[in-house]
Amino acid sequence: MSRYCISIDTSLCSGFGACVDLAPDLFRLESGGIASVVKAETDDPAALDAADSCPMGAITVEEVAAA
């Protein structure tokens, strides 16, 4: 099973919230309307869907090499 490392470029995030809609266990919108990562490393493939859905391209998901 793949593991993913998630990061958000907050300078690009405009708070559309698509990531939260697709992966609420991985992302949340902060009080200022900017998304943040709840779990920086996960095996949940929803991380990839969330990154693909970000209209600003603010989310990066990288596969973590197996140990």
Protein backbone atom coordinates (compact mmCIF):
# COMPACT_ATOMS: atom_id res chain seq x y z
CA MET A 1 0.00 0.00 0.00
CA SER A 2 1.29 3.47 -0.87
CA ARG A 3 1.95 6.17 1.72
CA TYR A 4 1.73 9.85 0.89
CA CYS A 5 3.20 13.02 2.33
CA ILE A 6 0.89 16.05 2.00
CA SER A 7 1.84 19.72 2.01
CA ILE A 8 -0.01 22.94 1.22
CA ASP A 9 1.47 26.12 -0.20
CA THR A 10 -0.61 28.54 1.86
CA SER A 11 0.43 31.43 -0.37
CA LEU A 12 -1.53 29.75 -3.20
CA CYS A 13 -4.54 28.55 -1.21
CA SER A 14 -7.70 30.59 -1.72
CA GLY A 15 -9.93 28.54 0.58
CA PHE A 16 -12.24 26.93 -1.99
CA GLY A 17 -12.51 23.93 0.34
CA ALA A 18 -12.60 21.19 -2.29
CA CYS A 19 -9.88 19.36 -0.37
CA VAL A 20 -11.97 19.39 2.81
CA ASP A 21 -15.02 18.14 0.91
CA LEU A 22 -13.07 15.22 -0.58
CA ALA A 23 -10.85 14.35 2.39
CA PRO A 24 -12.18 15.81 5.65
CA ASP A 25 -9.92 13.51 7.68
CA LEU A 26 -6.85 15.00 5.98
CA PHE A 27 -7.68 18.70 5.55
CA ARG A 28 -9.51 21.50 7.33
CA LEU A 29 -10.18 25.17 6.68
CA GLU A 30 -8.73 27.47 9.30
CA SER A 31 -10.56 30.55 10.59
CA GLY A 32 -8.84 32.71 7.94
CA GLY A 33 -10.24 30.50 5.18
CA ILE A 34 -6.91 28.84 4.32
CA ALA A 35 -6.64 25.06 4.20
CA SER A 36 -4.32 23.17 6.51
CA VAL A 37 -3.22 19.55 6.67
CA VAL A 38 -4.62 17.47 9.53
CA LYS A 39 -2.48 14.40 8.74
CA ALA A 40 0.78 15.13 6.91
CA GLU A 41 1.38 11.45 6.13
CA THR A 42 -1.33 9.00 5.14
CA ASP A 43 -2.16 5.94 3.07
CA ASP A 44 -5.56 7.41 2.13
CA PRO A 45 -5.77 7.81 -1.68
CA ALA A 46 -8.26 10.66 -1.12
CA ALA A 47 -5.15 12.82 -0.69
CA LEU A 48 -4.50 12.45 -4.41
CA ASP A 49 -8.10 13.36 -5.29
CA ALA A 50 -7.92 16.42 -3.06
CA ALA A 51 -4.70 17.60 -4.69
CA ASP A 52 -6.17 17.07 -8.16
CA SER A 53 -9.30 19.04 -7.22
CA CYS A 54 -7.45 22.10 -5.89
CA PRO A 55 -8.13 24.88 -8.41
CA MET A 56 -5.07 26.79 -7.21
CA GLY A 57 -2.65 23.84 -7.31
CA ALA A 58 -1.74 24.55 -3.69
CA ILE A 59 -1.63 20.92 -2.54
CA THR A 60 1.36 18.67 -3.14
CA VAL A 61 1.17 14.94 -2.49
CA GLU A 62 4.33 12.89 -2.76
CA GLU A 63 4.62 9.14 -2.42
CA VAL A 64 6.79 8.15 0.52
CA ALA A 65 9.44 5.55 -0.22
CA ALA A 66 8.94 2.23 1.54
CA ALA A 67 11.23 1.66 4.50
